[in-house]
Amino acid sequence: MSKVNSSDIINEFAEEMGITPQSAKAYMEFIFDDILKHVEKGDDVGIKGFGKFRMKVTAPRVCTNTYTGKKVNVPARNRLQFEMSRSLLAAYNSSEKERGGETL
């Protein structure tokens, strides 16, 4: 299994759509920037057949440092959360069984 990076996706997109890689990169950047803009405003962004992006706020909490045993205050923070759609999850799980348990 190999790693795929954004330039690989950009080149595949450009070839499939018959556009330049620079145009494909501009389209991709616009889409991701727009998703992040809406999520930062507090909107849930759903892409049919793919999944949903949302901002999740973790509450502040007190944890214990496992090395020293001291209590540590962990502040609240925002996390970007992604939830796969049912159809993508079903496709992932069915293809995993066909490959003999190898993950995507």
PDB file of N, CA and C in Angstrom:
ATOM      1  N   MET A   1       0.846  -1.172   0.000  1.00  0.00           N
ATOM      2  CA  MET A   1       0.000   0.000   0.000  1.00  0.00           C
ATOM      3  C   MET A   1       0.893   1.237   0.000  1.00  0.00           C
ATOM      4  N   SER A   2       0.566   2.210  -0.837  1.00  0.00           N
ATOM      5  CA  SER A   2       1.376   3.418  -0.915  1.00  0.00           C
ATOM      6  C   SER A   2       0.605   4.611  -0.349  1.00  0.00           C
ATOM      7  N   LYS A   3       1.342   5.683  -0.083  1.00  0.00           N
ATOM      8  CA  LYS A   3       0.718   6.910   0.411  1.00  0.00           C
ATOM      9  C   LYS A   3       0.311   7.779  -0.766  1.00  0.00           C
ATOM     10  N   VAL A   4      -0.816   8.424  -0.624  1.00  0.00           N
ATOM     11  CA  VAL A   4      -1.317   9.343  -1.642  1.00  0.00           C
ATOM     12  C   VAL A   4      -1.321  10.724  -1.016  1.00  0.00           C
ATOM     13  N   ASN A   5      -0.717  11.694  -1.694  1.00  0.00           N
ATOM     14  CA  ASN A   5      -0.721  13.053  -1.163  1.00  0.00           C
ATOM     15  C   ASN A   5      -1.582  13.949  -2.045  1.00  0.00           C
ATOM     16  N   SER A   6      -1.681  15.209  -1.660  1.00  0.00           N
ATOM     17  CA  SER A   6      -2.582  16.117  -2.374  1.00  0.00           C
ATOM     18  C   SER A   6      -2.167  16.313  -3.831  1.00  0.00           C
ATOM     19  N   SER A   7      -0.867  16.327  -4.120  1.00  0.00           N
ATOM     20  CA  SER A   7      -0.460  16.516  -5.519  1.00  0.00           C
ATOM     21  C   SER A   7      -0.879  15.324  -6.379  1.00  0.00           C
ATOM     22  N   ASP A   8      -0.892  14.114  -5.806  1.00  0.00           N
ATOM     23  CA  ASP A   8      -1.386  12.949  -6.545  1.00  0.00           C
ATOM     24  C   ASP A   8      -2.862  13.116  -6.888  1.00  0.00           C
ATOM     25  N   ILE A   9      -3.633  13.561  -5.919  1.00  0.00           N
ATOM     26  CA  ILE A   9      -5.072  13.755  -6.132  1.00  0.00           C
ATOM     27  C   ILE A   9      -5.303  14.875  -7.144  1.00  0.00           C
ATOM     28  N   ILE A  10      -4.531  15.955  -7.026  1.00  0.00           N
ATOM     29  CA  ILE A  10      -4.661  17.074  -7.968  1.00  0.00           C
ATOM     30  C   ILE A  10      -4.377  16.610  -9.390  1.00  0.00           C
ATOM     31  N   ASN A  11      -3.306  15.850  -9.574  1.00  0.00           N
ATOM     32  CA  ASN A  11      -2.962  15.374 -10.916  1.00  0.00           C
ATOM     33  C   ASN A  11      -4.022  14.426 -11.477  1.00  0.00           C
ATOM     34  N   GLU A  12      -4.569  13.536 -10.645  1.00  0.00           N
ATOM     35  CA  GLU A  12      -5.634  12.634 -11.092  1.00  0.00           C
ATOM     36  C   GLU A  12      -6.885  13.415 -11.468  1.00  0.00           C
ATOM     37  N   PHE A  13      -7.221  14.393 -10.642  1.00  0.00           N
ATOM     38  CA  PHE A  13      -8.392  15.233 -10.901  1.00  0.00           C
ATOM     39  C   PHE A  13      -8.228  16.000 -12.207  1.00  0.00           C
ATOM     40  N   ALA A  14      -7.051  16.588 -12.402  1.00  0.00           N
ATOM     41  CA  ALA A  14      -6.786  17.354 -13.620  1.00  0.00           C
ATOM     42  C   ALA A  14      -6.891  16.472 -14.857  1.00  0.00           C
ATOM     43  N   GLU A  15      -6.322  15.280 -14.771  1.00  0.00           N
ATOM     44  CA  GLU A  15      -6.367  14.372 -15.920  1.00  0.00           C
ATOM     45  C   GLU A  15      -7.800  13.927 -16.215  1.00  0.00           C
ATOM     46  N   GLU A  16      -8.541  13.584 -15.170  1.00  0.00           N
ATOM     47  CA  GLU A  16      -9.916  13.111 -15.343  1.00  0.00           C
ATOM     48  C   GLU A  16     -10.821  14.194 -15.928  1.00  0.00           C
ATOM     49  N   MET A  17     -10.628  15.442 -15.480  1.00  0.00           N
ATOM     50  CA  MET A  17     -11.495  16.533 -15.914  1.00  0.00           C
ATOM     51  C   MET A  17     -10.979  17.250 -17.156  1.00  0.00           C
ATOM     52  N   GLY A  18      -9.761  16.934 -17.593  1.00  0.00           N
ATOM     53  CA  GLY A  18      -9.209  17.586 -18.769  1.00  0.00           C
ATOM     54  C   GLY A  18      -8.840  19.036 -18.527  1.00  0.00           C
ATOM     55  N   ILE A  19      -8.343  19.332 -17.333  1.00  0.00           N
ATOM     56  CA  ILE A  19      -7.938  20.698 -16.990  1.00  0.00           C
ATOM     57  C   ILE A  19      -6.474  20.673 -16.561  1.00  0.00           C
ATOM     58  N   THR A  20      -5.924  21.862 -16.369  1.00  0.00           N
ATOM     59  CA  THR A  20      -4.526  21.937 -15.947  1.00  0.00           C
ATOM     60  C   THR A  20      -4.415  21.598 -14.456  1.00  0.00           C
ATOM     61  N   PRO A  21      -3.255  21.113 -14.023  1.00  0.00           N
ATOM     62  CA  PRO A  21      -3.064  20.862 -12.591  1.00  0.00           C
ATOM     63  C   PRO A  21      -3.223  22.132 -11.747  1.00  0.00           C
ATOM     64  N   GLN A  22      -2.875  23.285 -12.296  1.00  0.00           N
ATOM     65  CA  GLN A  22      -3.040  24.533 -11.551  1.00  0.00           C
ATOM     66  C   GLN A  22      -4.524  24.825 -11.298  1.00  0.00           C
ATOM     67  N   SER A  23      -5.360  24.574 -12.300  1.00  0.00           N
ATOM     68  CA  SER A  23      -6.804  24.766 -12.133  1.00  0.00           C
ATOM     69  C   SER A  23      -7.358  23.756 -11.133  1.00  0.00           C
ATOM     70  N   ALA A  24      -6.902  22.519 -11.231  1.00  0.00           N
ATOM     71  CA  ALA A  24      -7.365  21.488 -10.305  1.00  0.00           C
ATOM     72  C   ALA A  24      -6.996  21.848  -8.877  1.00  0.00           C
ATOM     73  N   LYS A  25      -5.784  22.366  -8.689  1.00  0.00           N
ATOM     74  CA  LYS A  25      -5.344  22.774  -7.342  1.00  0.00           C
ATOM     75  C   LYS A  25      -6.210  23.915  -6.818  1.00  0.00           C
ATOM     76  N   ALA A  26      -6.547  24.866  -7.694  1.00  0.00           N
ATOM     77  CA  ALA A  26      -7.399  25.987  -7.291  1.00  0.00           C
ATOM     78  C   ALA A  26      -8.784  25.501  -6.871  1.00  0.00           C
ATOM     79  N   TYR A  27      -9.352  24.551  -7.638  1.00  0.00           N
ATOM     80  CA  TYR A  27     -10.658  23.985  -7.272  1.00  0.00           C
ATOM     81  C   TYR A  27     -10.582  23.286  -5.915  1.00  0.00           C
ATOM     82  N   MET A  28      -9.546  22.476  -5.729  1.00  0.00           N
ATOM     83  CA  MET A  28      -9.407  21.724  -4.480  1.00  0.00           C
ATOM     84  C   MET A  28      -9.232  22.662  -3.283  1.00  0.00           C
ATOM     85  N   GLU A  29      -8.391  23.683  -3.442  1.00  0.00           N
ATOM     86  CA  GLU A  29      -8.186  24.639  -2.352  1.00  0.00           C
ATOM     87  C   GLU A  29      -9.470  25.378  -2.014  1.00  0.00           C
ATOM     88  N   PHE A  30     -10.238  25.746  -3.045  1.00  0.00           N
ATOM     89  CA  PHE A  30     -11.506  26.435  -2.802  1.00  0.00           C
ATOM     90  C   PHE A  30     -12.450  25.554  -1.998  1.00  0.00           C
ATOM     91  N   ILE A  31     -12.572  24.293  -2.388  1.00  0.00           N
ATOM     92  CA  ILE A  31     -13.502  23.386  -1.707  1.00  0.00           C
ATOM     93  C   ILE A  31     -13.124  23.224  -0.244  1.00  0.00           C
ATOM     94  N   PHE A  32     -11.847  22.933   0.028  1.00  0.00           N
ATOM     95  CA  PHE A  32     -11.434  22.734   1.418  1.00  0.00           C
ATOM     96  C   PHE A  32     -11.514  24.022   2.230  1.00  0.00           C
ATOM     97  N   ASP A  33     -11.136  25.150   1.634  1.00  0.00           N
ATOM     98  CA  ASP A  33     -11.244  26.430   2.343  1.00  0.00           C
ATOM     99  C   ASP A  33     -12.693  26.755   2.673  1.00  0.00           C
ATOM    100  N   ASP A  34     -13.600  26.459   1.751  1.00  0.00           N
ATOM    101  CA  ASP A  34     -15.016  26.730   1.978  1.00  0.00           C
ATOM    102  C   ASP A  34     -15.581  25.830   3.081  1.00  0.00           C
ATOM    103  N   ILE A  35     -15.190  24.561   3.076  1.00  0.00           N
ATOM    104  CA  ILE A  35     -15.620  23.649   4.143  1.00  0.00           C
ATOM    105  C   ILE A  35     -15.152  24.179   5.494  1.00  0.00           C
ATOM    106  N   LEU A  36     -13.861  24.538   5.585  1.00  0.00           N
ATOM    107  CA  LEU A  36     -13.319  25.039   6.853  1.00  0.00           C
ATOM    108  C   LEU A  36     -13.980  26.341   7.288  1.00  0.00           C
ATOM    109  N   LYS A  37     -14.275  27.222   6.336  1.00  0.00           N
ATOM    110  CA  LYS A  37     -14.932  28.492   6.661  1.00  0.00           C
ATOM    111  C   LYS A  37     -16.287  28.231   7.330  1.00  0.00           C
ATOM    112  N   HIS A  38     -17.060  27.312   6.770  1.00  0.00           N
ATOM    113  CA  HIS A  38     -18.385  27.021   7.325  1.00  0.00           C
ATOM    114  C   HIS A  38     -18.283  26.301   8.663  1.00  0.00           C
ATOM    115  N   VAL A  39     -17.343  25.386   8.793  1.00  0.00           N
ATOM    116  CA  VAL A  39     -17.185  24.661  10.057  1.00  0.00           C
ATOM    117  C   VAL A  39     -16.752  25.613  11.165  1.00  0.00           C
ATOM    118  N   GLU A  40     -15.852  26.546  10.847  1.00  0.00           N
ATOM    119  CA  GLU A  40     -15.403  27.526  11.847  1.00  0.00           C
ATOM    120  C   GLU A  40     -16.548  28.423  12.313  1.00  0.00           C
ATOM    121  N   LYS A  41     -17.543  28.668  11.438  1.00  0.00           N
ATOM    122  CA  LYS A  41     -18.715  29.457  11.815  1.00  0.00           C
ATOM    123  C   LYS A  41     -19.675  28.650  12.683  1.00  0.00           C
ATOM    124  N   GLY A  42     -19.448  27.327  12.793  1.00  0.00           N
ATOM    125  CA  GLY A  42     -20.331  26.497  13.594  1.00  0.00           C
ATOM    126  C   GLY A  42     -21.306  25.668  12.782  1.00  0.00           C
ATOM    127  N   ASP A  43     -21.217  25.744  11.465  1.00  0.00           N
ATOM    128  CA  ASP A  43     -22.105  24.965  10.600  1.00  0.00           C
ATOM    129  C   ASP A  43     -21.607  23.529  10.488  1.00  0.00           C
ATOM    130  N   ASP A  44     -22.535  22.591  10.337  1.00  0.00           N
ATOM    131  CA  ASP A  44     -22.182  21.228   9.961  1.00  0.00           C
ATOM    132  C   ASP A  44     -22.163  21.187   8.435  1.00  0.00           C
ATOM    133  N   VAL A  45     -21.112  20.620   7.870  1.00  0.00           N
ATOM    134  CA  VAL A  45     -20.986  20.544   6.412  1.00  0.00           C
ATOM    135  C   VAL A  45     -21.132  19.085   6.000  1.00  0.00           C
ATOM    136  N   GLY A  46     -22.240  18.768   5.336  1.00  0.00           N
ATOM    137  CA  GLY A  46     -22.489  17.405   4.890  1.00  0.00           C
ATOM    138  C   GLY A  46     -22.288  17.271   3.399  1.00  0.00           C
ATOM    139  N   ILE A  47     -21.567  16.237   3.000  1.00  0.00           N
ATOM    140  CA  ILE A  47     -21.360  15.937   1.585  1.00  0.00           C
ATOM    141  C   ILE A  47     -22.000  14.579   1.332  1.00  0.00           C
ATOM    142  N   LYS A  48     -23.085  14.584   0.582  1.00  0.00           N
ATOM    143  CA  LYS A  48     -23.863  13.370   0.365  1.00  0.00           C
ATOM    144  C   LYS A  48     -22.990  12.249  -0.191  1.00  0.00           C
ATOM    145  N   GLY A  49     -23.100  11.085   0.435  1.00  0.00           N
ATOM    146  CA  GLY A  49     -22.339   9.924   0.009  1.00  0.00           C
ATOM    147  C   GLY A  49     -20.916   9.895   0.531  1.00  0.00           C
ATOM    148  N   PHE A  50     -20.490  10.946   1.255  1.00  0.00           N
ATOM    149  CA  PHE A  50     -19.124  11.011   1.768  1.00  0.00           C
ATOM    150  C   PHE A  50     -19.116  11.116   3.282  1.00  0.00           C
ATOM    151  N   GLY A  51     -19.701  12.190   3.822  1.00  0.00           N
ATOM    152  CA  GLY A  51     -19.738  12.320   5.265  1.00  0.00           C
ATOM    153  C   GLY A  51     -20.037  13.730   5.706  1.00  0.00           C
ATOM    154  N   LYS A  52     -19.822  13.966   7.017  1.00  0.00           N
ATOM    155  CA  LYS A  52     -20.151  15.248   7.618  1.00  0.00           C
ATOM    156  C   LYS A  52     -18.958  15.760   8.415  1.00  0.00           C
ATOM    157  N   PHE A  53     -18.651  17.046   8.214  1.00  0.00           N
ATOM    158  CA  PHE A  53     -17.618  17.729   8.987  1.00  0.00           C
ATOM    159  C   PHE A  53     -18.310  18.632   9.996  1.00  0.00           C
ATOM    160  N   ARG A  54     -17.778  18.680  11.218  1.00  0.00           N
ATOM    161  CA  ARG A  54     -18.311  19.585  12.235  1.00  0.00           C
ATOM    162  C   ARG A  54     -17.215  19.917  13.236  1.00  0.00           C
ATOM    163  N   MET A  55     -17.437  21.022  13.952  1.00  0.00           N
ATOM    164  CA  MET A  55     -16.511  21.428  14.992  1.00  0.00           C
ATOM    165  C   MET A  55     -17.011  20.853  16.309  1.00  0.00           C
ATOM    166  N   LYS A  56     -16.133  20.192  17.025  1.00  0.00           N
ATOM    167  CA  LYS A  56     -16.492  19.638  18.326  1.00  0.00           C
ATOM    168  C   LYS A  56     -15.645  20.330  19.382  1.00  0.00           C
ATOM    169  N   VAL A  57     -16.296  20.811  20.417  1.00  0.00           N
ATOM    170  CA  VAL A  57     -15.599  21.488  21.503  1.00  0.00           C
ATOM    171  C   VAL A  57     -15.400  20.493  22.635  1.00  0.00           C
ATOM    172  N   THR A  58     -14.142  20.288  23.018  1.00  0.00           N
ATOM    173  CA  THR A  58     -13.868  19.421  24.157  1.00  0.00           C
ATOM    174  C   THR A  58     -13.861  20.282  25.410  1.00  0.00           C
ATOM    175  N   ALA A  59     -14.466  19.792  26.450  1.00  0.00           N
ATOM    176  CA  ALA A  59     -14.581  20.530  27.695  1.00  0.00           C
ATOM    177  C   ALA A  59     -13.232  20.572  28.418  1.00  0.00           C
ATOM    178  N   PRO A  60     -13.015  21.616  29.227  1.00  0.00           N
ATOM    179  CA  PRO A  60     -11.786  21.626  30.018  1.00  0.00           C
ATOM    180  C   PRO A  60     -11.844  20.494  31.044  1.00  0.00           C
ATOM    181  N   ARG A  61     -10.686  19.948  31.377  1.00  0.00           N
ATOM    182  CA  ARG A  61     -10.674  18.828  32.317  1.00  0.00           C
ATOM    183  C   ARG A  61      -9.353  18.798  33.063  1.00  0.00           C
ATOM    184  N   VAL A  62      -9.344  17.997  34.108  1.00  0.00           N
ATOM    185  CA  VAL A  62      -8.136  17.797  34.900  1.00  0.00           C
ATOM    186  C   VAL A  62      -7.658  16.374  34.657  1.00  0.00           C
ATOM    187  N   CYS A  63      -6.401  16.236  34.244  1.00  0.00           N
ATOM    188  CA  CYS A  63      -5.807  14.929  33.987  1.00  0.00           C
ATOM    189  C   CYS A  63      -4.624  14.728  34.914  1.00  0.00           C
ATOM    190  N   THR A  64      -4.147  13.508  34.957  1.00  0.00           N
ATOM    191  CA  THR A  64      -2.995  13.192  35.777  1.00  0.00           C
ATOM    192  C   THR A  64      -1.812  12.864  34.878  1.00  0.00           C
ATOM    193  N   ASN A  65      -0.685  13.526  35.127  1.00  0.00           N
ATOM    194  CA  ASN A  65       0.542  13.220  34.416  1.00  0.00           C
ATOM    195  C   ASN A  65       1.005  11.842  34.862  1.00  0.00           C
ATOM    196  N   THR A  66       1.108  10.900  33.939  1.00  0.00           N
ATOM    197  CA  THR A  66       1.422   9.515  34.299  1.00  0.00           C
ATOM    198  C   THR A  66       2.849   9.353  34.823  1.00  0.00           C
ATOM    199  N   TYR A  67       3.745  10.268  34.455  1.00  0.00           N
ATOM    200  CA  TYR A  67       5.131  10.160  34.912  1.00  0.00           C
ATOM    201  C   TYR A  67       5.336  10.739  36.301  1.00  0.00           C
ATOM    202  N   THR A  68       4.693  11.900  36.569  1.00  0.00           N
ATOM    203  CA  THR A  68       4.919  12.578  37.849  1.00  0.00           C
ATOM    204  C   THR A  68       3.783  12.380  38.839  1.00  0.00           C
ATOM    205  N   GLY A  69       2.605  12.011  38.353  1.00  0.00           N
ATOM    206  CA  GLY A  69       1.442  11.853  39.229  1.00  0.00           C
ATOM    207  C   GLY A  69       0.761  13.166  39.549  1.00  0.00           C
ATOM    208  N   LYS A  70       1.253  14.290  39.021  1.00  0.00           N
ATOM    209  CA  LYS A  70       0.668  15.595  39.301  1.00  0.00           C
ATOM    210  C   LYS A  70      -0.582  15.815  38.453  1.00  0.00           C
ATOM    211  N   LYS A  71      -1.499  16.601  39.004  1.00  0.00           N
ATOM    212  CA  LYS A  71      -2.717  16.977  38.276  1.00  0.00           C
ATOM    213  C   LYS A  71      -2.385  18.089  37.289  1.00  0.00           C
ATOM    214  N   VAL A  72      -2.938  17.989  36.091  1.00  0.00           N
ATOM    215  CA  VAL A  72      -2.685  18.959  35.029  1.00  0.00           C
ATOM    216  C   VAL A  72      -4.020  19.449  34.498  1.00  0.00           C
ATOM    217  N   ASN A  73      -4.175  20.773  34.406  1.00  0.00           N
ATOM    218  CA  ASN A  73      -5.386  21.352  33.824  1.00  0.00           C
ATOM    219  C   ASN A  73      -5.236  21.370  32.309  1.00  0.00           C
ATOM    220  N   VAL A  74      -6.195  20.763  31.618  1.00  0.00           N
ATOM    221  CA  VAL A  74      -6.215  20.754  30.159  1.00  0.00           C
ATOM    222  C   VAL A  74      -7.344  21.683  29.726  1.00  0.00           C
ATOM    223  N   PRO A  75      -7.022  22.758  28.993  1.00  0.00           N
ATOM    224  CA  PRO A  75      -8.062  23.720  28.618  1.00  0.00           C
ATOM    225  C   PRO A  75      -9.009  23.164  27.548  1.00  0.00           C
ATOM    226  N   ALA A  76     -10.153  23.825  27.405  1.00  0.00           N
ATOM    227  CA  ALA A  76     -11.101  23.469  26.341  1.00  0.00           C
ATOM    228  C   ALA A  76     -10.449  23.768  24.995  1.00  0.00           C
ATOM    229  N   ARG A  77     -10.848  23.016  23.979  1.00  0.00           N
ATOM    230  CA  ARG A  77     -10.309  23.274  22.643  1.00  0.00           C
ATOM    231  C   ARG A  77     -11.293  22.801  21.591  1.00  0.00           C
ATOM    232  N   ASN A  78     -11.097  23.304  20.388  1.00  0.00           N
ATOM    233  CA  ASN A  78     -11.925  22.922  19.246  1.00  0.00           C
ATOM    234  C   ASN A  78     -11.222  21.835  18.455  1.00  0.00           C
ATOM    235  N   ARG A  79     -12.001  20.868  17.978  1.00  0.00           N
ATOM    236  CA  ARG A  79     -11.471  19.798  17.128  1.00  0.00           C
ATOM    237  C   ARG A  79     -12.356  19.675  15.904  1.00  0.00           C
ATOM    238  N   LEU A  80     -11.750  19.418  14.760  1.00  0.00           N
ATOM    239  CA  LEU A  80     -12.507  19.148  13.553  1.00  0.00           C
ATOM    240  C   LEU A  80     -12.865  17.672  13.557  1.00  0.00           C
ATOM    241  N   GLN A  81     -14.146  17.372  13.455  1.00  0.00           N
ATOM    242  CA  GLN A  81     -14.616  15.995  13.500  1.00  0.00           C
ATOM    243  C   GLN A  81     -15.215  15.623  12.143  1.00  0.00           C
ATOM    244  N   PHE A  82     -14.917  14.408  11.696  1.00  0.00           N
ATOM    245  CA  PHE A  82     -15.486  13.899  10.453  1.00  0.00           C
ATOM    246  C   PHE A  82     -16.213  12.604  10.750  1.00  0.00           C
ATOM    247  N   GLU A  83     -17.429  12.501  10.251  1.00  0.00           N
ATOM    248  CA  GLU A  83     -18.223  11.280  10.404  1.00  0.00           C
ATOM    249  C   GLU A  83     -18.576  10.769   9.008  1.00  0.00           C
ATOM    250  N   MET A  84     -18.165   9.528   8.723  1.00  0.00           N
ATOM    251  CA  MET A  84     -18.450   8.939   7.409  1.00  0.00           C
ATOM    252  C   MET A  84     -19.951   8.754   7.219  1.00  0.00           C
ATOM    253  N   SER A  85     -20.391   8.887   5.970  1.00  0.00           N
ATOM    254  CA  SER A  85     -21.788   8.613   5.656  1.00  0.00           C
ATOM    255  C   SER A  85     -22.025   7.104   5.743  1.00  0.00           C
ATOM    256  N   ARG A  86     -23.280   6.733   5.879  1.00  0.00           N
ATOM    257  CA  ARG A  86     -23.607   5.306   5.956  1.00  0.00           C
ATOM    258  C   ARG A  86     -23.178   4.555   4.699  1.00  0.00           C
ATOM    259  N   SER A  87     -23.362   5.189   3.535  1.00  0.00           N
ATOM    260  CA  SER A  87     -23.009   4.510   2.287  1.00  0.00           C
ATOM    261  C   SER A  87     -21.495   4.333   2.163  1.00  0.00           C
ATOM    262  N   LEU A  88     -20.711   5.324   2.575  1.00  0.00           N
ATOM    263  CA  LEU A  88     -19.255   5.193   2.534  1.00  0.00           C
ATOM    264  C   LEU A  88     -18.787   4.152   3.538  1.00  0.00           C
ATOM    265  N   LEU A  89     -19.380   4.153   4.724  1.00  0.00           N
ATOM    266  CA  LEU A  89     -19.025   3.168   5.742  1.00  0.00           C
ATOM    267  C   LEU A  89     -19.364   1.757   5.269  1.00  0.00           C
ATOM    268  N   ALA A  90     -20.512   1.587   4.633  1.00  0.00           N
ATOM    269  CA  ALA A  90     -20.898   0.271   4.117  1.00  0.00           C
ATOM    270  C   ALA A  90     -19.944  -0.174   3.015  1.00  0.00           C
ATOM    271  N   ALA A  91     -19.572   0.742   2.127  1.00  0.00           N
ATOM    272  CA  ALA A  91     -18.634   0.401   1.056  1.00  0.00           C
ATOM    273  C   ALA A  91     -17.267   0.049   1.625  1.00  0.00           C
ATOM    274  N   TYR A  92     -16.834   0.779   2.632  1.00  0.00           N
ATOM    275  CA  TYR A  92     -15.542   0.511   3.275  1.00  0.00           C
ATOM    276  C   TYR A  92     -15.559  -0.860   3.937  1.00  0.00           C
ATOM    277  N   ASN A  93     -16.603  -1.154   4.676  1.00  0.00           N
ATOM    278  CA  ASN A  93     -16.679  -2.438   5.381  1.00  0.00           C
ATOM    279  C   ASN A  93     -16.828  -3.616   4.424  1.00  0.00           C
ATOM    280  N   SER A  94     -17.580  -3.455   3.333  1.00  0.00           N
ATOM    281  CA  SER A  94     -17.732  -4.565   2.395  1.00  0.00           C
ATOM    282  C   SER A  94     -16.429  -4.809   1.647  1.00  0.00           C
ATOM    283  N   SER A  95     -15.717  -3.749   1.275  1.00  0.00           N
ATOM    284  CA  SER A  95     -14.453  -3.936   0.567  1.00  0.00           C
ATOM    285  C   SER A  95     -13.387  -4.495   1.500  1.00  0.00           C
ATOM    286  N   GLU A  96     -13.473  -4.177   2.805  1.00  0.00           N
ATOM    287  CA  GLU A  96     -12.516  -4.709   3.769  1.00  0.00           C
ATOM    288  C   GLU A  96     -12.662  -6.220   3.888  1.00  0.00           C
ATOM    289  N   LYS A  97     -13.894  -6.707   3.882  1.00  0.00           N
ATOM    290  CA  LYS A  97     -14.135  -8.153   3.976  1.00  0.00           C
ATOM    291  C   LYS A  97     -13.615  -8.872   2.732  1.00  0.00           C
ATOM    292  N   GLU A  98     -13.805  -8.235   1.570  1.00  0.00           N
ATOM    293  CA  GLU A  98     -13.354  -8.848   0.322  1.00  0.00           C
ATOM    294  C   GLU A  98     -11.832  -8.933   0.243  1.00  0.00           C
ATOM    295  N   ARG A  99     -11.132  -7.972   0.899  1.00  0.00           N
ATOM    296  CA  ARG A  99      -9.669  -7.965   0.869  1.00  0.00           C
ATOM    297  C   ARG A  99      -9.074  -8.836   1.968  1.00  0.00           C
ATOM    298  N   GLY A 100      -9.903  -9.439   2.787  1.00  0.00           N
ATOM    299  CA  GLY A 100      -9.400 -10.290   3.844  1.00  0.00           C
ATOM    300  C   GLY A 100      -8.943  -9.527   5.075  1.00  0.00           C
ATOM    301  N   GLY A 101      -9.584  -8.392   5.361  1.00  0.00           N
ATOM    302  CA  GLY A 101      -9.293  -7.643   6.576  1.00  0.00           C
ATOM    303  C   GLY A 101      -8.290  -6.522   6.415  1.00  0.00           C
ATOM    304  N   GLU A 102      -7.686  -6.357   5.256  1.00  0.00           N
ATOM    305  CA  GLU A 102      -6.734  -5.266   5.046  1.00  0.00           C
ATOM    306  C   GLU A 102      -7.502  -3.958   5.032  1.00  0.00           C
ATOM    307  N   THR A 103      -7.019  -2.939   5.739  1.00  0.00           N
ATOM    308  CA  THR A 103      -7.721  -1.659   5.803  1.00  0.00           C
ATOM    309  C   THR A 103      -7.329  -0.780   4.641  1.00  0.00           C
ATOM    310  N   LEU A 104      -8.222   0.206   4.363  1.00  0.00           N
ATOM    311  CA  LEU A 104      -7.983   1.146   3.251  1.00  0.00           C
ATOM    312  C   LEU A 104      -6.825   2.042   3.526  1.00  0.00           C
TER     313      LEU A 104
END
